[in-house]
Amino acid sequence: RGALTTFSIANDIAKYFAILPALFASIYPQLGV
């Protein structure tokens, strides 16, 4: 349980870099970095 919980929460870091720039690319072009 602990191992997969750790893995699940750590997954979110990559998703921030994938989705947030895509969502706000047209509003805040600077987030493209």
PDB file of all heavy atoms in Angstrom:
ATOM      1  N   ARG A   1       0.833  -1.214   0.000  1.00  0.00           N
ATOM      2  CA  ARG A   1       0.000   0.000   0.000  1.00  0.00           C
ATOM      3  C   ARG A   1       0.863   1.257   0.000  1.00  0.00           C
ATOM      4  O   ARG A   1       0.615   2.204  -0.744  1.00  0.00           O
ATOM      5  CB  ARG A   1      -0.916   0.006   1.226  1.00  0.00           C
ATOM      6  CG  ARG A   1      -2.084  -0.948   1.139  1.00  0.00           C
ATOM      7  CD  ARG A   1      -3.192  -0.490   2.066  1.00  0.00           C
ATOM      8  NE  ARG A   1      -4.140  -1.576   2.282  1.00  0.00           N
ATOM      9  CZ  ARG A   1      -4.271  -2.237   3.409  1.00  0.00           C
ATOM     10  NH1 ARG A   1      -3.491  -1.940   4.436  1.00  0.00           N
ATOM     11  NH2 ARG A   1      -5.159  -3.192   3.540  1.00  0.00           N
ATOM     12  N   GLY A   2       1.880   1.260   0.871  1.00  0.00           N
ATOM     13  CA  GLY A   2       2.752   2.429   0.957  1.00  0.00           C
ATOM     14  C   GLY A   2       3.502   2.683  -0.331  1.00  0.00           C
ATOM     15  O   GLY A   2       3.631   3.825  -0.785  1.00  0.00           O
ATOM     16  N   ALA A   3       4.008   1.596  -0.958  1.00  0.00           N
ATOM     17  CA  ALA A   3       4.795   1.743  -2.185  1.00  0.00           C
ATOM     18  C   ALA A   3       3.948   2.310  -3.318  1.00  0.00           C
ATOM     19  O   ALA A   3       4.363   3.248  -4.018  1.00  0.00           O
ATOM     20  CB  ALA A   3       5.384   0.390  -2.581  1.00  0.00           C
ATOM     21  N   LEU A   4       2.751   1.759  -3.506  1.00  0.00           N
ATOM     22  CA  LEU A   4       1.917   2.227  -4.614  1.00  0.00           C
ATOM     23  C   LEU A   4       1.312   3.602  -4.339  1.00  0.00           C
ATOM     24  O   LEU A   4       1.043   4.360  -5.271  1.00  0.00           O
ATOM     25  CB  LEU A   4       0.820   1.200  -4.906  1.00  0.00           C
ATOM     26  CG  LEU A   4       1.334  -0.147  -5.450  1.00  0.00           C
ATOM     27  CD1 LEU A   4       0.184  -1.050  -5.845  1.00  0.00           C
ATOM     28  CD2 LEU A   4       2.253   0.066  -6.641  1.00  0.00           C
ATOM     29  N   THR A   5       1.101   3.932  -3.068  1.00  0.00           N
ATOM     30  CA  THR A   5       0.656   5.292  -2.739  1.00  0.00           C
ATOM     31  C   THR A   5       1.763   6.291  -3.075  1.00  0.00           C
ATOM     32  O   THR A   5       1.500   7.358  -3.656  1.00  0.00           O
ATOM     33  CB  THR A   5       0.290   5.394  -1.248  1.00  0.00           C
ATOM     34  OG1 THR A   5      -0.748   4.454  -0.950  1.00  0.00           O
ATOM     35  CG2 THR A   5      -0.185   6.791  -0.900  1.00  0.00           C
ATOM     36  N   THR A   6       2.991   5.951  -2.715  1.00  0.00           N
ATOM     37  CA  THR A   6       4.136   6.810  -3.047  1.00  0.00           C
ATOM     38  C   THR A   6       4.251   6.990  -4.556  1.00  0.00           C
ATOM     39  O   THR A   6       4.437   8.103  -5.056  1.00  0.00           O
ATOM     40  CB  THR A   6       5.435   6.192  -2.494  1.00  0.00           C
ATOM     41  OG1 THR A   6       5.307   6.016  -1.086  1.00  0.00           O
ATOM     42  CG2 THR A   6       6.634   7.087  -2.782  1.00  0.00           C
ATOM     43  N   PHE A   7       4.133   5.896  -5.291  1.00  0.00           N
ATOM     44  CA  PHE A   7       4.233   5.952  -6.748  1.00  0.00           C
ATOM     45  C   PHE A   7       3.113   6.812  -7.332  1.00  0.00           C
ATOM     46  O   PHE A   7       3.341   7.621  -8.231  1.00  0.00           O
ATOM     47  CB  PHE A   7       4.158   4.537  -7.320  1.00  0.00           C
ATOM     48  CG  PHE A   7       4.392   4.454  -8.804  1.00  0.00           C
ATOM     49  CD1 PHE A   7       5.668   4.277  -9.304  1.00  0.00           C
ATOM     50  CD2 PHE A   7       3.337   4.558  -9.701  1.00  0.00           C
ATOM     51  CE1 PHE A   7       5.894   4.201 -10.672  1.00  0.00           C
ATOM     52  CE2 PHE A   7       3.548   4.488 -11.063  1.00  0.00           C
ATOM     53  CZ  PHE A   7       4.832   4.308 -11.556  1.00  0.00           C
ATOM     54  N   SER A   8       1.899   6.642  -6.815  1.00  0.00           N
ATOM     55  CA  SER A   8       0.750   7.382  -7.343  1.00  0.00           C
ATOM     56  C   SER A   8       0.898   8.884  -7.138  1.00  0.00           C
ATOM     57  O   SER A   8       0.648   9.683  -8.050  1.00  0.00           O
ATOM     58  CB  SER A   8      -0.535   6.885  -6.658  1.00  0.00           C
ATOM     59  OG  SER A   8      -1.666   7.580  -7.138  1.00  0.00           O
ATOM     60  N   ILE A   9       1.310   9.284  -5.950  1.00  0.00           N
ATOM     61  CA  ILE A   9       1.450  10.717  -5.663  1.00  0.00           C
ATOM     62  C   ILE A   9       2.617  11.314  -6.453  1.00  0.00           C
ATOM     63  O   ILE A   9       2.532  12.428  -6.976  1.00  0.00           O
ATOM     64  CB  ILE A   9       1.632  10.934  -4.148  1.00  0.00           C
ATOM     65  CG1 ILE A   9       0.345  10.517  -3.413  1.00  0.00           C
ATOM     66  CG2 ILE A   9       1.980  12.379  -3.839  1.00  0.00           C
ATOM     67  CD1 ILE A   9       0.447  10.557  -1.906  1.00  0.00           C
ATOM     68  N   ALA A  10       3.730  10.541  -6.580  1.00  0.00           N
ATOM     69  CA  ALA A  10       4.884  11.036  -7.335  1.00  0.00           C
ATOM     70  C   ALA A  10       4.556  11.224  -8.814  1.00  0.00           C
ATOM     71  O   ALA A  10       5.158  12.061  -9.495  1.00  0.00           O
ATOM     72  CB  ALA A  10       6.058  10.069  -7.172  1.00  0.00           C
ATOM     73  N   ASN A  11       3.581  10.441  -9.311  1.00  0.00           N
ATOM     74  CA  ASN A  11       3.155  10.557 -10.711  1.00  0.00           C
ATOM     75  C   ASN A  11       2.715  11.964 -11.087  1.00  0.00           C
ATOM     76  O   ASN A  11       2.868  12.391 -12.230  1.00  0.00           O
ATOM     77  CB  ASN A  11       1.974   9.608 -10.964  1.00  0.00           C
ATOM     78  CG  ASN A  11       2.418   8.299 -11.572  1.00  0.00           C
ATOM     79  OD1 ASN A  11       2.037   7.959 -12.673  1.00  0.00           O
ATOM     80  ND2 ASN A  11       3.237   7.565 -10.848  1.00  0.00           N
ATOM     81  N   ASP A  12       2.137  12.686 -10.117  1.00  0.00           N
ATOM     82  CA  ASP A  12       1.545  13.991 -10.411  1.00  0.00           C
ATOM     83  C   ASP A  12       2.577  14.992 -10.907  1.00  0.00           C
ATOM     84  O   ASP A  12       2.245  15.911 -11.658  1.00  0.00           O
ATOM     85  CB  ASP A  12       0.850  14.549  -9.157  1.00  0.00           C
ATOM     86  CG  ASP A  12      -0.443  13.798  -8.861  1.00  0.00           C
ATOM     87  OD1 ASP A  12      -0.896  13.049  -9.741  1.00  0.00           O
ATOM     88  OD2 ASP A  12      -0.980  13.975  -7.761  1.00  0.00           O
ATOM     89  N   ILE A  13       3.837  14.842 -10.485  1.00  0.00           N
ATOM     90  CA  ILE A  13       4.862  15.817 -10.874  1.00  0.00           C
ATOM     91  C   ILE A  13       4.992  15.882 -12.382  1.00  0.00           C
ATOM     92  O   ILE A  13       5.016  16.966 -12.986  1.00  0.00           O
ATOM     93  CB  ILE A  13       6.211  15.451 -10.217  1.00  0.00           C
ATOM     94  CG1 ILE A  13       6.087  15.569  -8.691  1.00  0.00           C
ATOM     95  CG2 ILE A  13       7.337  16.338 -10.745  1.00  0.00           C
ATOM     96  CD1 ILE A  13       7.319  15.145  -7.930  1.00  0.00           C
ATOM     97  N   ALA A  14       5.065  14.735 -13.043  1.00  0.00           N
ATOM     98  CA  ALA A  14       5.184  14.717 -14.500  1.00  0.00           C
ATOM     99  C   ALA A  14       3.938  15.284 -15.161  1.00  0.00           C
ATOM    100  O   ALA A  14       4.019  15.956 -16.195  1.00  0.00           O
ATOM    101  CB  ALA A  14       5.440  13.294 -14.983  1.00  0.00           C
ATOM    102  N   LYS A  15       2.782  15.021 -14.556  1.00  0.00           N
ATOM    103  CA  LYS A  15       1.537  15.500 -15.167  1.00  0.00           C
ATOM    104  C   LYS A  15       1.430  17.017 -15.113  1.00  0.00           C
ATOM    105  O   LYS A  15       0.819  17.642 -15.988  1.00  0.00           O
ATOM    106  CB  LYS A  15       0.343  14.832 -14.470  1.00  0.00           C
ATOM    107  CG  LYS A  15       0.313  13.321 -14.682  1.00  0.00           C
ATOM    108  CD  LYS A  15      -0.664  12.628 -13.745  1.00  0.00           C
ATOM    109  CE  LYS A  15      -0.511  11.121 -13.808  1.00  0.00           C
ATOM    110  NZ  LYS A  15      -1.346  10.432 -12.799  1.00  0.00           N
ATOM    111  N   TYR A  16       2.029  17.627 -14.067  1.00  0.00           N
ATOM    112  CA  TYR A  16       2.064  19.093 -14.029  1.00  0.00           C
ATOM    113  C   TYR A  16       2.781  19.637 -15.264  1.00  0.00           C
ATOM    114  O   TYR A  16       2.318  20.569 -15.919  1.00  0.00           O
ATOM    115  CB  TYR A  16       2.798  19.595 -12.775  1.00  0.00           C
ATOM    116  CG  TYR A  16       2.135  19.232 -11.464  1.00  0.00           C
ATOM    117  CD1 TYR A  16       2.904  18.956 -10.336  1.00  0.00           C
ATOM    118  CD2 TYR A  16       0.758  19.166 -11.358  1.00  0.00           C
ATOM    119  CE1 TYR A  16       2.312  18.616  -9.129  1.00  0.00           C
ATOM    120  CE2 TYR A  16       0.165  18.826 -10.151  1.00  0.00           C
ATOM    121  CZ  TYR A  16       0.946  18.555  -9.038  1.00  0.00           C
ATOM    122  OH  TYR A  16       0.355  18.221  -7.856  1.00  0.00           O
ATOM    123  N   PHE A  17       3.921  19.013 -15.569  1.00  0.00           N
ATOM    124  CA  PHE A  17       4.718  19.477 -16.703  1.00  0.00           C
ATOM    125  C   PHE A  17       4.047  19.164 -18.037  1.00  0.00           C
ATOM    126  O   PHE A  17       4.354  19.789 -19.041  1.00  0.00           O
ATOM    127  CB  PHE A  17       6.115  18.844 -16.665  1.00  0.00           C
ATOM    128  CG  PHE A  17       7.016  19.424 -15.617  1.00  0.00           C
ATOM    129  CD1 PHE A  17       7.113  18.858 -14.367  1.00  0.00           C
ATOM    130  CD2 PHE A  17       7.759  20.566 -15.883  1.00  0.00           C
ATOM    131  CE1 PHE A  17       7.943  19.398 -13.391  1.00  0.00           C
ATOM    132  CE2 PHE A  17       8.597  21.117 -14.917  1.00  0.00           C
ATOM    133  CZ  PHE A  17       8.687  20.537 -13.659  1.00  0.00           C
ATOM    134  N   ALA A  18       3.126  18.193 -18.052  1.00  0.00           N
ATOM    135  CA  ALA A  18       2.457  17.831 -19.303  1.00  0.00           C
ATOM    136  C   ALA A  18       1.202  18.662 -19.536  1.00  0.00           C
ATOM    137  O   ALA A  18       0.992  19.198 -20.628  1.00  0.00           O
ATOM    138  CB  ALA A  18       2.102  16.340 -19.291  1.00  0.00           C
ATOM    139  N   ILE A  19       0.376  18.801 -18.511  1.00  0.00           N
ATOM    140  CA  ILE A  19      -0.954  19.389 -18.714  1.00  0.00           C
ATOM    141  C   ILE A  19      -0.984  20.898 -18.493  1.00  0.00           C
ATOM    142  O   ILE A  19      -1.616  21.631 -19.265  1.00  0.00           O
ATOM    143  CB  ILE A  19      -1.980  18.681 -17.805  1.00  0.00           C
ATOM    144  CG1 ILE A  19      -2.137  17.226 -18.248  1.00  0.00           C
ATOM    145  CG2 ILE A  19      -3.321  19.374 -17.849  1.00  0.00           C
ATOM    146  CD1 ILE A  19      -3.184  16.466 -17.511  1.00  0.00           C
ATOM    147  N   LEU A  20      -0.322  21.385 -17.439  1.00  0.00           N
ATOM    148  CA  LEU A  20      -0.425  22.824 -17.153  1.00  0.00           C
ATOM    149  C   LEU A  20       0.077  23.696 -18.305  1.00  0.00           C
ATOM    150  O   LEU A  20      -0.600  24.673 -18.675  1.00  0.00           O
ATOM    151  CB  LEU A  20       0.321  23.143 -15.852  1.00  0.00           C
ATOM    152  CG  LEU A  20      -0.331  22.587 -14.580  1.00  0.00           C
ATOM    153  CD1 LEU A  20       0.486  22.963 -13.347  1.00  0.00           C
ATOM    154  CD2 LEU A  20      -1.760  23.097 -14.423  1.00  0.00           C
ATOM    155  N   PRO A  21       1.229  23.412 -18.924  1.00  0.00           N
ATOM    156  CA  PRO A  21       1.632  24.229 -20.076  1.00  0.00           C
ATOM    157  C   PRO A  21       0.623  24.144 -21.215  1.00  0.00           C
ATOM    158  O   PRO A  21       0.364  25.139 -21.893  1.00  0.00           O
ATOM    159  CB  PRO A  21       2.976  23.619 -20.493  1.00  0.00           C
ATOM    160  CG  PRO A  21       3.475  22.930 -19.280  1.00  0.00           C
ATOM    161  CD  PRO A  21       2.253  22.419 -18.589  1.00  0.00           C
ATOM    162  N   ALA A  22       0.035  22.940 -21.409  1.00  0.00           N
ATOM    163  CA  ALA A  22      -0.946  22.779 -22.488  1.00  0.00           C
ATOM    164  C   ALA A  22      -2.204  23.591 -22.215  1.00  0.00           C
ATOM    165  O   ALA A  22      -2.790  24.202 -23.122  1.00  0.00           O
ATOM    166  CB  ALA A  22      -1.290  21.303 -22.646  1.00  0.00           C
ATOM    167  N   LEU A  23      -2.640  23.635 -20.964  1.00  0.00           N
ATOM    168  CA  LEU A  23      -3.861  24.362 -20.617  1.00  0.00           C
ATOM    169  C   LEU A  23      -3.696  25.870 -20.778  1.00  0.00           C
ATOM    170  O   LEU A  23      -4.584  26.562 -21.295  1.00  0.00           O
ATOM    171  CB  LEU A  23      -4.254  24.046 -19.165  1.00  0.00           C
ATOM    172  CG  LEU A  23      -5.123  22.807 -18.912  1.00  0.00           C
ATOM    173  CD1 LEU A  23      -5.325  22.611 -17.420  1.00  0.00           C
ATOM    174  CD2 LEU A  23      -6.473  22.939 -19.598  1.00  0.00           C
ATOM    175  N   PHE A  24      -2.555  26.385 -20.324  1.00  0.00           N
ATOM    176  CA  PHE A  24      -2.386  27.834 -20.256  1.00  0.00           C
ATOM    177  C   PHE A  24      -1.484  28.394 -21.363  1.00  0.00           C
ATOM    178  O   PHE A  24      -1.067  29.543 -21.303  1.00  0.00           O
ATOM    179  CB  PHE A  24      -1.803  28.216 -18.887  1.00  0.00           C
ATOM    180  CG  PHE A  24      -2.753  28.002 -17.751  1.00  0.00           C
ATOM    181  CD1 PHE A  24      -2.712  26.827 -17.008  1.00  0.00           C
ATOM    182  CD2 PHE A  24      -3.706  28.956 -17.436  1.00  0.00           C
ATOM    183  CE1 PHE A  24      -3.597  26.625 -15.963  1.00  0.00           C
ATOM    184  CE2 PHE A  24      -4.593  28.758 -16.386  1.00  0.00           C
ATOM    185  CZ  PHE A  24      -4.548  27.590 -15.646  1.00  0.00           C
ATOM    186  N   ALA A  25      -1.204  27.557 -22.383  1.00  0.00           N
ATOM    187  CA  ALA A  25      -0.296  28.014 -23.442  1.00  0.00           C
ATOM    188  C   ALA A  25      -0.807  29.264 -24.136  1.00  0.00           C
ATOM    189  O   ALA A  25      -0.040  30.185 -24.456  1.00  0.00           O
ATOM    190  CB  ALA A  25      -0.076  26.898 -24.452  1.00  0.00           C
ATOM    191  N   SER A  26      -2.143  29.318 -24.356  1.00  0.00           N
ATOM    192  CA  SER A  26      -2.693  30.473 -25.068  1.00  0.00           C
ATOM    193  C   SER A  26      -2.857  31.688 -24.166  1.00  0.00           C
ATOM    194  O   SER A  26      -2.880  32.825 -24.645  1.00  0.00           O
ATOM    195  CB  SER A  26      -4.047  30.101 -25.678  1.00  0.00           C
ATOM    196  OG  SER A  26      -4.953  29.697 -24.649  1.00  0.00           O
ATOM    197  N   ILE A  27      -2.956  31.481 -22.864  1.00  0.00           N
ATOM    198  CA  ILE A  27      -3.176  32.600 -21.932  1.00  0.00           C
ATOM    199  C   ILE A  27      -1.847  33.130 -21.419  1.00  0.00           C
ATOM    200  O   ILE A  27      -1.611  34.345 -21.380  1.00  0.00           O
ATOM    201  CB  ILE A  27      -4.064  32.134 -20.756  1.00  0.00           C
ATOM    202  CG1 ILE A  27      -5.405  31.591 -21.282  1.00  0.00           C
ATOM    203  CG2 ILE A  27      -4.297  33.275 -19.779  1.00  0.00           C
ATOM    204  CD1 ILE A  27      -6.280  30.982 -20.218  1.00  0.00           C
ATOM    205  N   TYR A  28      -0.972  32.214 -21.019  1.00  0.00           N
ATOM    206  CA  TYR A  28       0.357  32.593 -20.519  1.00  0.00           C
ATOM    207  C   TYR A  28       1.414  31.878 -21.352  1.00  0.00           C
ATOM    208  O   TYR A  28       1.871  30.784 -20.985  1.00  0.00           O
ATOM    209  CB  TYR A  28       0.510  32.217 -19.041  1.00  0.00           C
ATOM    210  CG  TYR A  28      -0.450  32.918 -18.112  1.00  0.00           C
ATOM    211  CD1 TYR A  28      -1.502  32.217 -17.520  1.00  0.00           C
ATOM    212  CD2 TYR A  28      -0.310  34.274 -17.831  1.00  0.00           C
ATOM    213  CE1 TYR A  28      -2.386  32.855 -16.669  1.00  0.00           C
ATOM    214  CE2 TYR A  28      -1.200  34.921 -16.972  1.00  0.00           C
ATOM    215  CZ  TYR A  28      -2.234  34.212 -16.402  1.00  0.00           C
ATOM    216  OH  TYR A  28      -3.105  34.843 -15.565  1.00  0.00           O
ATOM    217  N   PRO A  29       1.823  32.439 -22.466  1.00  0.00           N
ATOM    218  CA  PRO A  29       2.830  31.778 -23.325  1.00  0.00           C
ATOM    219  C   PRO A  29       4.126  31.480 -22.583  1.00  0.00           C
ATOM    220  O   PRO A  29       4.857  30.556 -22.952  1.00  0.00           O
ATOM    221  CB  PRO A  29       3.057  32.800 -24.442  1.00  0.00           C
ATOM    222  CG  PRO A  29       1.812  33.639 -24.452  1.00  0.00           C
ATOM    223  CD  PRO A  29       1.361  33.716 -23.034  1.00  0.00           C
ATOM    224  N   GLN A  30       4.403  32.267 -21.514  1.00  0.00           N
ATOM    225  CA  GLN A  30       5.647  32.042 -20.770  1.00  0.00           C
ATOM    226  C   GLN A  30       5.705  30.647 -20.137  1.00  0.00           C
ATOM    227  O   GLN A  30       6.792  30.123 -19.867  1.00  0.00           O
ATOM    228  CB  GLN A  30       5.799  33.097 -19.663  1.00  0.00           C
ATOM    229  CG  GLN A  30       5.891  34.523 -20.177  1.00  0.00           C
ATOM    230  CD  GLN A  30       4.505  35.152 -20.323  1.00  0.00           C
ATOM    231  OE1 GLN A  30       3.492  34.442 -20.377  1.00  0.00           O
ATOM    232  NE2 GLN A  30       4.464  36.483 -20.420  1.00  0.00           N
ATOM    233  N   LEU A  31       4.516  30.039 -19.902  1.00  0.00           N
ATOM    234  CA  LEU A  31       4.500  28.705 -19.295  1.00  0.00           C
ATOM    235  C   LEU A  31       5.002  27.630 -20.249  1.00  0.00           C
ATOM    236  O   LEU A  31       5.159  26.478 -19.863  1.00  0.00           O
ATOM    237  CB  LEU A  31       3.082  28.355 -18.820  1.00  0.00           C
ATOM    238  CG  LEU A  31       2.564  29.123 -17.602  1.00  0.00           C
ATOM    239  CD1 LEU A  31       1.145  28.709 -17.270  1.00  0.00           C
ATOM    240  CD2 LEU A  31       3.467  28.875 -16.401  1.00  0.00           C
ATOM    241  N   GLY A  32       5.253  28.002 -21.484  1.00  0.00           N
ATOM    242  CA  GLY A  32       5.787  27.041 -22.439  1.00  0.00           C
ATOM    243  C   GLY A  32       7.122  26.464 -22.021  1.00  0.00           C
ATOM    244  O   GLY A  32       7.495  25.366 -22.438  1.00  0.00           O
ATOM    245  N   VAL A  33       7.871  27.213 -21.171  1.00  0.00           N
ATOM    246  CA  VAL A  33       9.172  26.698 -20.710  1.00  0.00           C
ATOM    247  C   VAL A  33       9.007  25.447 -19.851  1.00  0.00           C
ATOM    248  O   VAL A  33       9.961  24.682 -19.661  1.00  0.00           O
ATOM    249  CB  VAL A  33       9.944  27.777 -19.917  1.00  0.00           C
ATOM    250  CG1 VAL A  33      10.245  28.969 -20.802  1.00  0.00           C
ATOM    251  CG2 VAL A  33       9.161  28.202 -18.673  1.00  0.00           C
TER     252      VAL A  33
END
